[in-house]
C-alpha atoms as a PDB file:
ATOM      1  CA  MET A   1      -0.055   0.022   0.136  1.00  0.00           C
ATOM      2  CA  SER A   2       2.812   2.336   0.360  1.00  0.00           C
ATOM      3  CA  LEU A   3       3.147   2.767  -3.348  1.00  0.00           C
ATOM      4  CA  LEU A   4       0.007   4.966  -3.555  1.00  0.00           C
ATOM      5  CA  ILE A   5       0.269   6.782  -0.345  1.00  0.00           C
ATOM      6  CA  SER A   6       3.564   8.448   0.911  1.00  0.00           C
ATOM      7  CA  ASP A   7       4.649   7.904   4.455  1.00  0.00           C
ATOM      8  CA  ALA A   8       3.949  10.942   6.826  1.00  0.00           C
ATOM      9  CA  THR A   9       7.110  12.137   8.408  1.00  0.00           C
ATOM     10  CA  ALA A  10       7.769  14.723  11.123  1.00  0.00           C
ATOM     11  CA  GLN A  11       9.576  18.034   9.883  1.00  0.00           C
ATOM     12  CA  ASP A  12      12.736  19.109  12.089  1.00  0.00           C
ATOM     13  CA  ALA A  13      13.383  22.783  12.730  1.00  0.00           C
ATOM     14  CA  ALA A  14      15.528  23.608   9.516  1.00  0.00           C
ATOM     15  CA  THR A  15      12.892  22.060   7.273  1.00  0.00           C
ATOM     16  CA  ALA A  16      10.107  23.966   9.027  1.00  0.00           C
ATOM     17  CA  ALA A  17      12.230  27.241   8.404  1.00  0.00           C
ATOM     18  CA  SER A  18      12.735  26.776   4.827  1.00  0.00           C
ATOM     19  CA  ALA A  19       8.999  25.754   4.202  1.00  0.00           C
ATOM     20  CA  VAL A  20       8.325  29.376   5.521  1.00  0.00           C
ATOM     21  CA  THR A  21      10.816  31.162   2.860  1.00  0.00           C
ATOM     22  CA  ASP A  22       9.927  28.841   0.169  1.00  0.00           C
ATOM     23  CA  PRO A  23       6.654  30.665  -0.547  1.00  0.00           C
ATOM     24  CA  LEU A  24       8.588  33.958  -0.753  1.00  0.00           C
ATOM     25  CA  LEU A  25      11.081  32.702  -2.767  1.00  0.00           C
ATOM     26  CA  SER A  26       8.388  31.298  -5.133  1.00  0.00           C
ATOM     27  CA  LEU A  27       6.994  34.890  -5.654  1.00  0.00           C
ATOM     28  CA  LEU A  28      10.370  36.376  -6.619  1.00  0.00           C
ATOM     29  CA  PRO A  29      10.292  35.259 -10.329  1.00  0.00           C
ATOM     30  CA  LEU A  30       6.762  36.812 -10.600  1.00  0.00           C
ATOM     31  CA  VAL A  31       7.704  40.166  -8.944  1.00  0.00           C
ATOM     32  CA  LEU A  32      10.934  40.201 -11.203  1.00  0.00           C
ATOM     33  CA  PHE A  33       8.640  39.366 -14.125  1.00  0.00           C
ATOM     34  CA  GLY A  34       6.264  42.326 -13.234  1.00  0.00           C
ATOM     35  CA  VAL A  35       9.186  44.808 -12.868  1.00  0.00           C
ATOM     36  CA  VAL A  36      10.835  43.959 -16.246  1.00  0.00           C
ATOM     37  CA  PHE A  37       7.355  44.140 -18.001  1.00  0.00           C
ATOM     38  CA  TYR A  38       6.938  47.651 -16.302  1.00  0.00           C
ATOM     39  CA  PHE A  39      10.334  48.903 -17.640  1.00  0.00           C
ATOM     40  CA  LEU A  40      10.349  47.305 -21.223  1.00  0.00           C
ATOM     41  CA  LEU A  41       6.644  47.773 -22.215  1.00  0.00           C
ATOM     42  CA  ILE A  42       4.349  50.243 -19.861  1.00  0.00           C
ATOM     43  CA  ARG A  43       6.942  53.009 -19.223  1.00  0.00           C
ATOM     44  CA  PRO A  44       8.096  53.478 -22.981  1.00  0.00           C
ATOM     45  CA  GLN A  45       4.539  53.482 -24.088  1.00  0.00           C
ATOM     46  CA  ALA A  46       3.441  55.957 -21.431  1.00  0.00           C
ATOM     47  CA  LYS A  47       6.478  58.161 -22.474  1.00  0.00           C
ATOM     48  CA  ARG A  48       5.266  57.993 -26.368  1.00  0.00           C
ATOM     49  CA  GLN A  49       1.738  58.979 -25.223  1.00  0.00           C
ATOM     50  CA  LYS A  50       2.982  62.043 -23.372  1.00  0.00           C
ATOM     51  CA  GLU A  51       5.196  63.193 -26.068  1.00  0.00           C
ATOM     52  CA  HIS A  52       2.357  62.873 -28.653  1.00  0.00           C
ATOM     53  CA  ARG A  53      -0.006  64.650 -26.263  1.00  0.00           C
ATOM     54  CA  ARG A  54       2.672  67.407 -25.951  1.00  0.00           C
ATOM     55  CA  MET A  55       2.891  67.659 -29.727  1.00  0.00           C
ATOM     56  CA  ILE A  56      -0.886  67.907 -30.219  1.00  0.00           C
ATOM     57  CA  ASP A  57      -1.298  70.639 -27.544  1.00  0.00           C
ATOM     58  CA  ALA A  58       1.670  72.739 -29.309  1.00  0.00           C
ATOM     59  CA  LEU A  59       0.049  72.813 -32.797  1.00  0.00           C
ATOM     60  CA  THR A  60      -0.354  76.233 -34.301  1.00  0.00           C
ATOM     61  CA  LYS A  61      -1.975  77.535 -37.562  1.00  0.00           C
ATOM     62  CA  GLY A  62       0.540  77.222 -40.387  1.00  0.00           C
ATOM     63  CA  ASP A  63       2.281  74.092 -39.154  1.00  0.00           C
ATOM     64  CA  GLU A  64       2.837  71.437 -41.669  1.00  0.00           C
ATOM     65  CA  VAL A  65       1.558  68.016 -40.497  1.00  0.00           C
ATOM     66  CA  VAL A  66       1.330  64.357 -41.541  1.00  0.00           C
ATOM     67  CA  THR A  67      -1.986  62.434 -40.227  1.00  0.00           C
ATOM     68  CA  MET A  68      -2.243  58.859 -39.312  1.00  0.00           C
ATOM     69  CA  GLY A  69      -3.821  58.368 -42.692  1.00  0.00           C
ATOM     70  CA  GLY A  70      -0.967  59.685 -44.698  1.00  0.00           C
ATOM     71  CA  LEU A  71      -2.636  62.918 -45.808  1.00  0.00           C
ATOM     72  CA  ALA A  72       0.199  65.831 -45.533  1.00  0.00           C
ATOM     73  CA  GLY A  73      -1.008  69.586 -45.345  1.00  0.00           C
ATOM     74  CA  ARG A  74      -0.700  72.939 -43.709  1.00  0.00           C
ATOM     75  CA  ILE A  75      -2.827  73.630 -40.744  1.00  0.00           C
ATOM     76  CA  THR A  76      -5.485  76.573 -41.624  1.00  0.00           C
ATOM     77  CA  ASP A  77      -7.807  76.496 -38.771  1.00  0.00           C
ATOM     78  CA  LEU A  78      -7.444  75.067 -34.934  1.00  0.00           C
ATOM     79  CA  GLY A  79     -10.545  73.813 -32.786  1.00  0.00           C
ATOM     80  CA  ASP A  80     -10.807  72.140 -29.447  1.00  0.00           C
ATOM     81  CA  ASN A  81     -11.089  68.607 -31.047  1.00  0.00           C
ATOM     82  CA  PHE A  82     -10.556  69.197 -34.799  1.00  0.00           C
ATOM     83  CA  ILE A  83      -8.207  70.930 -37.060  1.00  0.00           C
ATOM     84  CA  GLN A  84      -8.561  71.991 -40.583  1.00  0.00           C
ATOM     85  CA  VAL A  85      -5.723  70.988 -42.899  1.00  0.00           C
ATOM     86  CA  GLU A  86      -5.249  72.255 -46.279  1.00  0.00           C
ATOM     87  CA  ILE A  87      -3.869  69.527 -48.409  1.00  0.00           C
ATOM     88  CA  ALA A  88      -3.899  71.153 -51.898  1.00  0.00           C
ATOM     89  CA  ASP A  89      -4.824  74.753 -53.158  1.00  0.00           C
ATOM     90  CA  GLY A  90      -8.516  75.314 -52.156  1.00  0.00           C
ATOM     91  CA  ILE A  91      -8.799  71.756 -50.619  1.00  0.00           C
ATOM     92  CA  GLN A  92      -9.374  71.459 -46.808  1.00  0.00           C
ATOM     93  CA  VAL A  93     -10.186  68.698 -44.807  1.00  0.00           C
ATOM     94  CA  LYS A  94     -11.215  68.506 -41.152  1.00  0.00           C
ATOM     95  CA  VAL A  95      -9.180  65.871 -39.023  1.00  0.00           C
ATOM     96  CA  ARG A  96      -9.284  64.981 -35.402  1.00  0.00           C
ATOM     97  CA  ARG A  97      -6.340  66.610 -33.208  1.00  0.00           C
ATOM     98  CA  ALA A  98      -5.187  62.965 -32.208  1.00  0.00           C
ATOM     99  CA  ALA A  99      -5.043  61.792 -35.833  1.00  0.00           C
ATOM    100  CA  ILE A 100      -1.951  64.100 -36.288  1.00  0.00           C
ATOM    101  CA  GLU A 101       1.037  61.775 -36.413  1.00  0.00           C
ATOM    102  CA  ALA A 102       4.064  64.159 -36.874  1.00  0.00           C
ATOM    103  CA  VAL A 103       4.818  67.903 -37.375  1.00  0.00           C
ATOM    104  CA  MET A 104       7.090  68.390 -40.423  1.00  0.00           C
ATOM    105  CA  PRO A 105       9.612  71.006 -40.553  1.00  0.00           C
ATOM    106  CA  LYS A 106       8.717  74.383 -42.375  1.00  0.00           C
ATOM    107  CA  GLY A 107       8.949  74.319 -45.939  1.00  0.00           C
ATOM    108  CA  SER A 108       8.525  70.662 -46.551  1.00  0.00           C
ATOM    109  CA  LEU A 109       5.440  71.089 -48.628  1.00  0.00           C
ATOM    110  CA  LYS A 110       6.656  73.436 -51.370  1.00  0.00           C
ATOM    111  CA  ASP A 111       3.734  72.571 -53.772  1.00  0.00           C
ATOM    112  CA  LEU A 112       0.980  73.935 -51.318  1.00  0.00           C
END
């Protein structure tokens, strides 16, 4: 019958002390994984979002921008949530502020 049921043995003091520290040591890899996850994924993403928010708040009339959809143009009007972008002579489109991907250097759009 000893094949199916293990024998119960009493623990000595050293075994009892190691049993207390084992749960703490077993949580250590999980904590380390969380720290690595934070520094490699969460923190850089938050930094990118903060930089994008700063760029959107600094938009001014006359800036040359590129939208996430690939449209390039010059800002002609600013609103709280939307901006108007002139993509060609006399052609203006209204896009959300959050859809602006990048601000290009002045003079990048010479055809407008």
